[in-house]
C-alpha atoms as a PDB file:
ATOM      1  CA  MET A   1      22.295   3.428 -12.258  1.00  0.00           C
ATOM      2  CA  PRO A   2      22.065   5.306  -8.930  1.00  0.00           C
ATOM      3  CA  GLY A   3      19.082   7.606  -8.752  1.00  0.00           C
ATOM      4  CA  ASP A   4      16.868   5.498 -10.998  1.00  0.00           C
ATOM      5  CA  PRO A   5      13.359   5.126  -9.534  1.00  0.00           C
ATOM      6  CA  VAL A   6      12.489   1.856  -7.804  1.00  0.00           C
ATOM      7  CA  LEU A   7       9.557   0.445  -9.779  1.00  0.00           C
ATOM      8  CA  ALA A   8       7.374  -2.139  -8.034  1.00  0.00           C
ATOM      9  CA  GLY A   9       3.891  -3.560  -8.192  1.00  0.00           C
ATOM     10  CA  ILE A  10       1.162  -5.131  -6.080  1.00  0.00           C
ATOM     11  CA  THR A  11       1.097  -8.036  -8.466  1.00  0.00           C
ATOM     12  CA  ASP A  12      -1.793 -10.050  -7.036  1.00  0.00           C
ATOM     13  CA  GLU A  13      -3.858  -7.807  -9.346  1.00  0.00           C
ATOM     14  CA  ALA A  14      -2.089  -9.473 -12.271  1.00  0.00           C
ATOM     15  CA  ALA A  15      -2.009 -13.118 -11.155  1.00  0.00           C
ATOM     16  CA  PRO A  16      -2.990 -15.022  -8.014  1.00  0.00           C
ATOM     17  CA  ASP A  17       0.068 -17.319  -7.863  1.00  0.00           C
ATOM     18  CA  ILE A  18       3.606 -16.186  -7.116  1.00  0.00           C
ATOM     19  CA  GLU A  19       4.887 -17.622 -10.389  1.00  0.00           C
ATOM     20  CA  GLY A  20       2.438 -15.517 -12.369  1.00  0.00           C
ATOM     21  CA  GLN A  21       3.258 -12.449 -10.304  1.00  0.00           C
ATOM     22  CA  ILE A  22       6.966 -12.912 -10.937  1.00  0.00           C
ATOM     23  CA  SER A  23       6.295 -13.402 -14.650  1.00  0.00           C
ATOM     24  CA  VAL A  24       4.594 -10.009 -14.886  1.00  0.00           C
ATOM     25  CA  LEU A  25       7.535  -8.297 -13.202  1.00  0.00           C
ATOM     26  CA  ARG A  26       9.905 -10.032 -15.594  1.00  0.00           C
ATOM     27  CA  ALA A  27       7.861  -8.750 -18.541  1.00  0.00           C
ATOM     28  CA  LEU A  28       8.179  -5.227 -17.143  1.00  0.00           C
ATOM     29  CA  GLY A  29      11.878  -5.658 -16.408  1.00  0.00           C
ATOM     30  CA  TRP A  30      11.381  -4.680 -12.743  1.00  0.00           C
ATOM     31  CA  GLN A  31      13.222  -5.976  -9.698  1.00  0.00           C
ATOM     32  CA  ALA A  32      10.789  -5.075  -6.899  1.00  0.00           C
ATOM     33  CA  ILE A  33       7.425  -6.270  -5.613  1.00  0.00           C
ATOM     34  CA  GLU A  34       4.853  -5.334  -2.969  1.00  0.00           C
ATOM     35  CA  LEU A  35       3.215  -8.397  -1.450  1.00  0.00           C
ATOM     36  CA  ARG A  36      -0.442  -8.647  -0.382  1.00  0.00           C
ATOM     37  CA  ASN A  37      -2.074 -11.962  -1.380  1.00  0.00           C
ATOM     38  CA  ILE A  38      -0.748 -15.243  -2.722  1.00  0.00           C
ATOM     39  CA  ASP A  39      -3.305 -17.601  -4.290  1.00  0.00           C
ATOM     40  CA  GLN A  40      -5.990 -15.295  -2.856  1.00  0.00           C
ATOM     41  CA  VAL A  41      -4.678 -15.846   0.672  1.00  0.00           C
ATOM     42  CA  ALA A  42      -3.511 -12.843   2.707  1.00  0.00           C
ATOM     43  CA  LEU A  43       0.200 -12.894   3.437  1.00  0.00           C
ATOM     44  CA  ALA A  44      -0.340 -13.200   7.192  1.00  0.00           C
ATOM     45  CA  GLU A  45      -2.513 -16.294   6.659  1.00  0.00           C
ATOM     46  CA  LEU A  46       0.032 -18.271   4.624  1.00  0.00           C
ATOM     47  CA  THR A  47       1.585 -21.242   6.385  1.00  0.00           C
ATOM     48  CA  ASP A  48       5.241 -20.848   7.272  1.00  0.00           C
ATOM     49  CA  GLU A  49       6.099 -23.426   4.641  1.00  0.00           C
ATOM     50  CA  ARG A  50       4.181 -21.574   1.915  1.00  0.00           C
ATOM     51  CA  PHE A  51       5.666 -18.228   2.910  1.00  0.00           C
ATOM     52  CA  GLU A  52       9.178 -19.683   2.807  1.00  0.00           C
ATOM     53  CA  ALA A  53       8.486 -21.007  -0.702  1.00  0.00           C
ATOM     54  CA  VAL A  54       7.330 -17.532  -1.800  1.00  0.00           C
ATOM     55  CA  ALA A  55      10.425 -15.931  -0.268  1.00  0.00           C
ATOM     56  CA  ALA A  56      12.652 -18.466  -2.015  1.00  0.00           C
ATOM     57  CA  ALA A  57      10.984 -17.845  -5.389  1.00  0.00           C
ATOM     58  CA  LEU A  58      11.505 -14.095  -5.036  1.00  0.00           C
ATOM     59  CA  SER A  59      15.126 -14.548  -3.992  1.00  0.00           C
ATOM     60  CA  ASP A  60      15.804 -16.953  -6.867  1.00  0.00           C
ATOM     61  CA  ASN A  61      14.518 -14.298  -9.276  1.00  0.00           C
ATOM     62  CA  GLY A  62      16.482 -11.451  -7.712  1.00  0.00           C
ATOM     63  CA  LEU A  63      13.366  -9.599  -6.576  1.00  0.00           C
ATOM     64  CA  ARG A  64      13.347  -7.089  -3.718  1.00  0.00           C
ATOM     65  CA  VAL A  65      10.268  -6.670  -1.517  1.00  0.00           C
ATOM     66  CA  VAL A  66       9.429  -3.002  -0.853  1.00  0.00           C
ATOM     67  CA  CYS A  67       6.356  -3.401   1.366  1.00  0.00           C
ATOM     68  CA  LEU A  68       3.865  -5.876   2.823  1.00  0.00           C
ATOM     69  CA  ALA A  69       0.271  -4.653   2.403  1.00  0.00           C
ATOM     70  CA  SER A  70      -1.502  -5.690   5.605  1.00  0.00           C
ATOM     71  CA  ARG A  71      -5.210  -5.724   6.461  1.00  0.00           C
ATOM     72  CA  ILE A  72      -4.637  -3.760   9.673  1.00  0.00           C
ATOM     73  CA  GLY A  73      -7.318  -1.081  10.084  1.00  0.00           C
ATOM     74  CA  ASN A  74      -8.567  -1.577   6.532  1.00  0.00           C
ATOM     75  CA  TRP A  75     -12.070  -1.445   4.983  1.00  0.00           C
ATOM     76  CA  ALA A  76     -12.898  -4.902   6.396  1.00  0.00           C
ATOM     77  CA  ARG A  77     -11.786  -4.041   9.944  1.00  0.00           C
ATOM     78  CA  PRO A  78     -13.767  -1.131  11.359  1.00  0.00           C
ATOM     79  CA  ILE A  79     -12.989   0.326  14.754  1.00  0.00           C
ATOM     80  CA  SER A  80     -15.417  -2.166  16.345  1.00  0.00           C
ATOM     81  CA  THR A  81     -13.326  -5.158  15.214  1.00  0.00           C
ATOM     82  CA  ASP A  82     -11.453  -7.143  17.865  1.00  0.00           C
ATOM     83  CA  PHE A  83      -8.058  -5.433  18.101  1.00  0.00           C
ATOM     84  CA  ARG A  84      -6.370  -8.778  18.759  1.00  0.00           C
ATOM     85  CA  HIS A  85      -6.684  -9.603  15.047  1.00  0.00           C
ATOM     86  CA  ASP A  86      -4.520  -6.615  14.137  1.00  0.00           C
ATOM     87  CA  LEU A  87      -1.957  -7.271  16.866  1.00  0.00           C
ATOM     88  CA  ALA A  88      -1.626 -10.882  15.741  1.00  0.00           C
ATOM     89  CA  GLU A  89      -1.289  -9.860  12.090  1.00  0.00           C
ATOM     90  CA  LEU A  90       1.378  -7.304  12.991  1.00  0.00           C
ATOM     91  CA  ASP A  91       3.396  -9.915  14.867  1.00  0.00           C
ATOM     92  CA  VAL A  92       3.279 -12.340  11.936  1.00  0.00           C
ATOM     93  CA  LEU A  93       4.014  -9.757   9.263  1.00  0.00           C
ATOM     94  CA  ALA A  94       6.815  -8.075  11.198  1.00  0.00           C
ATOM     95  CA  LYS A  95       8.614 -11.389  11.439  1.00  0.00           C
ATOM     96  CA  ARG A  96       8.012 -12.079   7.756  1.00  0.00           C
ATOM     97  CA  ALA A  97       9.060  -8.559   6.758  1.00  0.00           C
ATOM     98  CA  ARG A  98      12.398  -8.984   8.473  1.00  0.00           C
ATOM     99  CA  ALA A  99      12.865 -12.418   6.909  1.00  0.00           C
ATOM    100  CA  ILE A 100      12.120 -11.133   3.412  1.00  0.00           C
ATOM    101  CA  GLY A 101      14.128  -7.918   3.666  1.00  0.00           C
ATOM    102  CA  THR A 102      11.643  -5.067   4.080  1.00  0.00           C
ATOM    103  CA  ARG A 103      10.747  -2.759   6.956  1.00  0.00           C
ATOM    104  CA  HIS A 104       7.449  -1.462   5.555  1.00  0.00           C
ATOM    105  CA  LEU A 105       3.921  -2.583   6.474  1.00  0.00           C
ATOM    106  CA  ARG A 106       0.882  -0.824   4.977  1.00  0.00           C
ATOM    107  CA  ILE A 107      -1.987  -0.037   7.374  1.00  0.00           C
ATOM    108  CA  MET A 108      -5.172   2.079   7.411  1.00  0.00           C
ATOM    109  CA  SER A 109      -7.003   3.862  10.235  1.00  0.00           C
ATOM    110  CA  TYR A 110     -10.233   1.958  10.907  1.00  0.00           C
ATOM    111  CA  PRO A 111     -13.571   2.833   9.307  1.00  0.00           C
ATOM    112  CA  ASN A 112     -16.169   4.041  11.793  1.00  0.00           C
ATOM    113  CA  ALA A 113     -18.805   1.766  13.295  1.00  0.00           C
ATOM    114  CA  GLY A 114     -21.420   4.124  14.682  1.00  0.00           C
ATOM    115  CA  LEU A 115     -19.187   6.095  17.045  1.00  0.00           C
ATOM    116  CA  GLY A 116     -19.223   9.847  17.437  1.00  0.00           C
ATOM    117  CA  ASP A 117     -16.273  11.631  15.866  1.00  0.00           C
ATOM    118  CA  SER A 118     -14.435  12.234  19.144  1.00  0.00           C
ATOM    119  CA  ASP A 119     -14.752   8.608  20.269  1.00  0.00           C
ATOM    120  CA  TRP A 120     -13.729   7.362  16.820  1.00  0.00           C
ATOM    121  CA  ARG A 121     -10.670   9.620  16.843  1.00  0.00           C
ATOM    122  CA  ALA A 122      -9.666   8.587  20.357  1.00  0.00           C
ATOM    123  CA  ARG A 123      -9.941   4.861  19.652  1.00  0.00           C
ATOM    124  CA  VAL A 124      -8.024   5.131  16.370  1.00  0.00           C
ATOM    125  CA  ILE A 125      -5.177   7.052  18.010  1.00  0.00           C
ATOM    126  CA  GLU A 126      -5.114   4.591  20.900  1.00  0.00           C
ATOM    127  CA  ARG A 127      -4.885   1.593  18.562  1.00  0.00           C
ATOM    128  CA  VAL A 128      -2.333   3.088  16.204  1.00  0.00           C
ATOM    129  CA  THR A 129      -0.175   4.148  19.166  1.00  0.00           C
ATOM    130  CA  VAL A 130      -0.111   0.562  20.426  1.00  0.00           C
ATOM    131  CA  LEU A 131       0.596  -0.734  16.907  1.00  0.00           C
ATOM    132  CA  ALA A 132       3.417   1.750  16.324  1.00  0.00           C
ATOM    133  CA  ASP A 133       5.050   0.923  19.665  1.00  0.00           C
ATOM    134  CA  ARG A 134       4.880  -2.769  18.820  1.00  0.00           C
ATOM    135  CA  ALA A 135       6.182  -2.115  15.292  1.00  0.00           C
ATOM    136  CA  GLU A 136       9.119  -0.124  16.638  1.00  0.00           C
ATOM    137  CA  ARG A 137      10.048  -3.006  18.939  1.00  0.00           C
ATOM    138  CA  HIS A 138       9.797  -5.365  15.948  1.00  0.00           C
ATOM    139  CA  GLY A 139      12.054  -3.106  13.858  1.00  0.00           C
ATOM    140  CA  VAL A 140       9.424  -2.310  11.194  1.00  0.00           C
ATOM    141  CA  THR A 141       7.637   0.850  10.032  1.00  0.00           C
ATOM    142  CA  LEU A 142       3.879   1.236   9.603  1.00  0.00           C
ATOM    143  CA  LEU A 143       2.753   3.194   6.539  1.00  0.00           C
ATOM    144  CA  HIS A 144      -0.698   4.752   6.849  1.00  0.00           C
ATOM    145  CA  GLU A 145      -2.478   4.923   3.483  1.00  0.00           C
ATOM    146  CA  ASN A 146      -4.890   7.636   2.348  1.00  0.00           C
ATOM    147  CA  CYS A 147      -7.745   5.157   2.046  1.00  0.00           C
ATOM    148  CA  SER A 148     -10.205   3.748   4.581  1.00  0.00           C
ATOM    149  CA  GLY A 149     -10.435   5.022   8.134  1.00  0.00           C
ATOM    150  CA  TRP A 150     -10.486   8.079  10.387  1.00  0.00           C
ATOM    151  CA  ALA A 151      -7.448   9.710   8.778  1.00  0.00           C
ATOM    152  CA  GLY A 152      -7.924   8.168   5.358  1.00  0.00           C
ATOM    153  CA  THR A 153      -9.132  11.155   3.334  1.00  0.00           C
ATOM    154  CA  ASN A 154      -8.067  14.170   5.372  1.00  0.00           C
ATOM    155  CA  ALA A 155      -4.545  15.627   5.465  1.00  0.00           C
ATOM    156  CA  GLU A 156      -5.154  17.449   8.756  1.00  0.00           C
ATOM    157  CA  ARG A 157      -6.136  14.176  10.416  1.00  0.00           C
ATOM    158  CA  MET A 158      -3.123  12.373   8.932  1.00  0.00           C
ATOM    159  CA  LEU A 159      -0.783  14.963  10.394  1.00  0.00           C
ATOM    160  CA  GLU A 160      -2.690  14.864  13.683  1.00  0.00           C
ATOM    161  CA  LEU A 161      -2.309  11.084  13.767  1.00  0.00           C
ATOM    162  CA  LEU A 162       1.444  11.407  13.258  1.00  0.00           C
ATOM    163  CA  ASP A 163       1.687  14.058  15.973  1.00  0.00           C
ATOM    164  CA  GLU A 164      -0.436  12.180  18.507  1.00  0.00           C
ATOM    165  CA  VAL A 165       1.260   8.810  17.985  1.00  0.00           C
ATOM    166  CA  ALA A 166       4.689  10.484  17.831  1.00  0.00           C
ATOM    167  CA  SER A 167       6.554   7.356  16.757  1.00  0.00           C
ATOM    168  CA  PRO A 168       9.401   6.896  14.279  1.00  0.00           C
ATOM    169  CA  ALA A 169       7.632   3.662  13.329  1.00  0.00           C
ATOM    170  CA  LEU A 170       4.662   5.501  11.756  1.00  0.00           C
ATOM    171  CA  LYS A 171       4.930   7.213   8.366  1.00  0.00           C
ATOM    172  CA  LEU A 172       2.559   7.901   5.472  1.00  0.00           C
ATOM    173  CA  LEU A 173       1.780   6.066   2.240  1.00  0.00           C
ATOM    174  CA  PHE A 174       0.308   8.176  -0.564  1.00  0.00           C
ATOM    175  CA  ASP A 175      -1.870   6.599  -3.250  1.00  0.00           C
ATOM    176  CA  THR A 176      -2.223   8.850  -6.286  1.00  0.00           C
ATOM    177  CA  GLY A 177      -5.688   7.622  -7.330  1.00  0.00           C
ATOM    178  CA  ASN A 178      -7.537   7.239  -4.050  1.00  0.00           C
ATOM    179  CA  GLY A 179      -8.668  10.863  -4.053  1.00  0.00           C
ATOM    180  CA  VAL A 180     -10.768  10.404  -7.173  1.00  0.00           C
ATOM    181  CA  ALA A 181     -12.202   7.138  -5.842  1.00  0.00           C
ATOM    182  CA  HIS A 182     -13.050   8.599  -2.424  1.00  0.00           C
ATOM    183  CA  GLY A 183     -14.198  12.047  -3.518  1.00  0.00           C
ATOM    184  CA  TYR A 184     -11.390  14.404  -2.538  1.00  0.00           C
ATOM    185  CA  ASP A 185      -8.512  16.143  -4.332  1.00  0.00           C
ATOM    186  CA  GLY A 186      -5.512  13.855  -3.956  1.00  0.00           C
ATOM    187  CA  PHE A 187      -3.006  16.385  -5.250  1.00  0.00           C
ATOM    188  CA  ASP A 188      -4.116  18.997  -2.724  1.00  0.00           C
ATOM    189  CA  LEU A 189      -3.891  16.415   0.068  1.00  0.00           C
ATOM    190  CA  LEU A 190      -0.405  15.435  -1.062  1.00  0.00           C
ATOM    191  CA  ALA A 191       0.758  19.040  -0.915  1.00  0.00           C
ATOM    192  CA  ASP A 192      -0.015  19.052   2.823  1.00  0.00           C
ATOM    193  CA  ILE A 193       1.600  15.693   3.697  1.00  0.00           C
ATOM    194  CA  VAL A 194       4.390  15.343   1.131  1.00  0.00           C
ATOM    195  CA  ASP A 195       7.228  15.675   3.658  1.00  0.00           C
ATOM    196  CA  HIS A 196       5.950  12.640   5.545  1.00  0.00           C
ATOM    197  CA  VAL A 197       5.447  10.274   2.581  1.00  0.00           C
ATOM    198  CA  GLU A 198       7.562   7.126   2.837  1.00  0.00           C
ATOM    199  CA  HIS A 199       5.955   5.009   0.088  1.00  0.00           C
ATOM    200  CA  VAL A 200       3.781   5.603  -2.991  1.00  0.00           C
ATOM    201  CA  HIS A 201       1.056   3.616  -4.745  1.00  0.00           C
ATOM    202  CA  VAL A 202       0.303   4.630  -8.330  1.00  0.00           C
ATOM    203  CA  LYS A 203      -3.158   4.362  -9.827  1.00  0.00           C
ATOM    204  CA  ASP A 204      -5.438   6.706 -11.748  1.00  0.00           C
ATOM    205  CA  ALA A 205      -9.189   7.142 -12.089  1.00  0.00           C
ATOM    206  CA  ASP A 206     -11.907   9.288 -13.591  1.00  0.00           C
ATOM    207  CA  GLU A 207     -15.665   9.554 -13.163  1.00  0.00           C
ATOM    208  CA  HIS A 208     -16.123   6.172 -14.875  1.00  0.00           C
ATOM    209  CA  GLY A 209     -13.652   4.173 -12.780  1.00  0.00           C
ATOM    210  CA  PHE A 210      -9.973   3.286 -12.692  1.00  0.00           C
ATOM    211  CA  THR A 211      -7.768   3.999 -15.697  1.00  0.00           C
ATOM    212  CA  ILE A 212      -4.237   3.614 -16.998  1.00  0.00           C
ATOM    213  CA  PRO A 213      -1.929   5.934 -14.991  1.00  0.00           C
ATOM    214  CA  GLY A 214      -1.838   9.311 -16.705  1.00  0.00           C
ATOM    215  CA  GLU A 215      -5.186   8.883 -18.478  1.00  0.00           C
ATOM    216  CA  GLY A 216      -7.495   9.827 -15.584  1.00  0.00           C
ATOM    217  CA  SER A 217      -8.103  12.918 -13.482  1.00  0.00           C
ATOM    218  CA  ALA A 218      -5.867  12.114 -10.497  1.00  0.00           C
ATOM    219  CA  ARG A 219      -3.042  14.389 -11.737  1.00  0.00           C
ATOM    220  CA  VAL A 220      -0.551  11.556 -11.404  1.00  0.00           C
ATOM    221  CA  ALA A 221       2.188  13.407 -13.299  1.00  0.00           C
ATOM    222  CA  ASP A 222       1.753  16.443 -11.033  1.00  0.00           C
ATOM    223  CA  CYS A 223       1.936  14.195  -7.977  1.00  0.00           C
ATOM    224  CA  VAL A 224       5.187  12.717  -9.264  1.00  0.00           C
ATOM    225  CA  LYS A 225       6.670  16.190  -9.762  1.00  0.00           C
ATOM    226  CA  LEU A 226       5.608  17.318  -6.298  1.00  0.00           C
ATOM    227  CA  LEU A 227       7.028  14.209  -4.622  1.00  0.00           C
ATOM    228  CA  ARG A 228      10.319  14.528  -6.459  1.00  0.00           C
ATOM    229  CA  ALA A 229      10.579  18.233  -5.635  1.00  0.00           C
ATOM    230  CA  ALA A 230      10.171  17.287  -1.964  1.00  0.00           C
ATOM    231  CA  GLY A 231      13.025  14.778  -2.241  1.00  0.00           C
ATOM    232  CA  TYR A 232      10.989  11.560  -2.297  1.00  0.00           C
ATOM    233  CA  SER A 233      13.323   8.632  -2.984  1.00  0.00           C
ATOM    234  CA  GLY A 234      11.175   5.614  -2.103  1.00  0.00           C
ATOM    235  CA  ALA A 235       9.541   3.042  -4.330  1.00  0.00           C
ATOM    236  CA  TRP A 236       6.730   3.651  -6.828  1.00  0.00           C
ATOM    237  CA  SER A 237       4.347   0.710  -6.559  1.00  0.00           C
ATOM    238  CA  VAL A 238       1.658   0.320  -9.213  1.00  0.00           C
ATOM    239  CA  GLU A 239      -1.756  -0.845  -7.952  1.00  0.00           C
ATOM    240  CA  PRO A 240      -3.933  -0.167 -10.992  1.00  0.00           C
ATOM    241  CA  HIS A 241      -7.293  -1.746  -9.980  1.00  0.00           C
ATOM    242  CA  LEU A 242      -7.922  -2.361 -13.687  1.00  0.00           C
ATOM    243  CA  ALA A 243      -8.681  -6.085 -13.559  1.00  0.00           C
ATOM    244  CA  MET A 244      -9.570  -6.589  -9.896  1.00  0.00           C
ATOM    245  CA  ARG A 245      -9.887  -4.795  -6.572  1.00  0.00           C
ATOM    246  CA  PRO A 246      -8.689  -6.500  -3.378  1.00  0.00           C
ATOM    247  CA  HIS A 247     -11.987  -6.044  -1.496  1.00  0.00           C
ATOM    248  CA  GLU A 248     -14.098  -7.591  -4.251  1.00  0.00           C
ATOM    249  CA  PRO A 249     -14.464 -11.381  -4.590  1.00  0.00           C
ATOM    250  CA  GLY A 250     -13.167 -13.434  -7.475  1.00  0.00           C
ATOM    251  CA  GLU A 251      -9.949 -14.003  -9.350  1.00  0.00           C
ATOM    252  CA  PRO A 252      -8.327 -11.482 -11.691  1.00  0.00           C
ATOM    253  CA  ALA A 253      -9.854 -11.288 -15.168  1.00  0.00           C
ATOM    254  CA  PRO A 254      -8.215 -13.302 -17.977  1.00  0.00           C
ATOM    255  CA  ASP A 255      -6.539 -10.141 -19.287  1.00  0.00           C
ATOM    256  CA  ALA A 256      -5.320  -9.067 -15.832  1.00  0.00           C
ATOM    257  CA  ALA A 257      -1.629  -9.572 -16.577  1.00  0.00           C
ATOM    258  CA  MET A 258      -1.884  -7.635 -19.838  1.00  0.00           C
ATOM    259  CA  LYS A 259      -3.689  -4.740 -18.118  1.00  0.00           C
ATOM    260  CA  PHE A 260      -1.184  -4.710 -15.264  1.00  0.00           C
ATOM    261  CA  ILE A 261       1.743  -4.574 -17.689  1.00  0.00           C
ATOM    262  CA  ALA A 262       0.086  -1.708 -19.583  1.00  0.00           C
ATOM    263  CA  ALA A 263      -0.395   0.193 -16.311  1.00  0.00           C
ATOM    264  CA  GLY A 264       3.182  -0.505 -15.283  1.00  0.00           C
ATOM    265  CA  ARG A 265       4.598   0.746 -18.551  1.00  0.00           C
ATOM    266  CA  ALA A 266       2.488   3.891 -18.317  1.00  0.00           C
ATOM    267  CA  MET A 267       3.735   4.491 -14.768  1.00  0.00           C
ATOM    268  CA  ALA A 268       7.322   4.029 -15.880  1.00  0.00           C
ATOM    269  CA  GLY A 269       6.707   6.529 -18.684  1.00  0.00           C
ATOM    270  CA  LEU A 270       5.380   9.130 -16.228  1.00  0.00           C
ATOM    271  CA  LEU A 271       8.431   8.659 -14.033  1.00  0.00           C
ATOM    272  CA  ARG A 272      10.743   9.199 -17.006  1.00  0.00           C
END
C-alpha cells in the first residue's frame, strides 16, 4: 500500500549471478534491487548483450532498480587515478541507468594519494563538479556515500561538497554502518546531513566486524527514526557485508544467501 518502505538489496553479496540475486529477493518478497556486480564483473564492464540479458531478467521478475553502485571515486580510485576512467564509467552507467529505469548512481570522493589537504580538496571538488555537470546532462543523479574519499567521513565536508558543486545532480547517500567501520559516529553525522539524503544503505557493525542490522553499535533503529522524522521517502537498500565485501577478492561464502536473507529480514523488522 502507499507509504510502505521500498526494500532493496545489493544482492551481489548473496550470489554472483543474476539468477541467484533474483532468487534471494524472491525469498524476501521484495521488488527492488541495487546493482553493482554481475558474475563478479562491475556493471559498467558488462557487454551490452549481457547487460540487456540482466535487464530482461529483472523486468521478467517485476523488479525495480533503485540505484547503480559505481566505482567512481571509490577506494580503488584515489585522486591520482586517471579521471578518464570515471568519465567513461559515468557515460556507460548513465545510459544503462536510463535503460533500466533508475536515475541514481552511487559515487565516492576519491581517497588521497599524498596530496596536502587543500590540494586534495580542490581536486575532488573539481572532479565532482565535472561529474555532476555531465550527470545532469545525462539526466541522472550522483549519490555521494559516506565511505572512501575526501568527504567520506565528515559531515562538514559533505555539505561543503554540495555547496561548492552546487548541482541538482549531486545528492547524498547515507550508509548506517560505515561510521563504525571507519571510526566515526554515523548517527551524529546523519543528524547534520539528513535533509540531503536521497538514498540509504543499511548495515550494522560492532568492534568485531559486521553484524545483522540492529545487533551492532551503529544505532540503525535510531538512524531510521531520524530519517523518517526528516521526511525520507527513498529506498532502504541492505548491504550487510556478512558474507563478502566488494573490495575483497573471492566469491561469496556458501552461506551468503542465507546470511543476506537474515540481514534483509532484520532490516525489514527495524523498518516496521
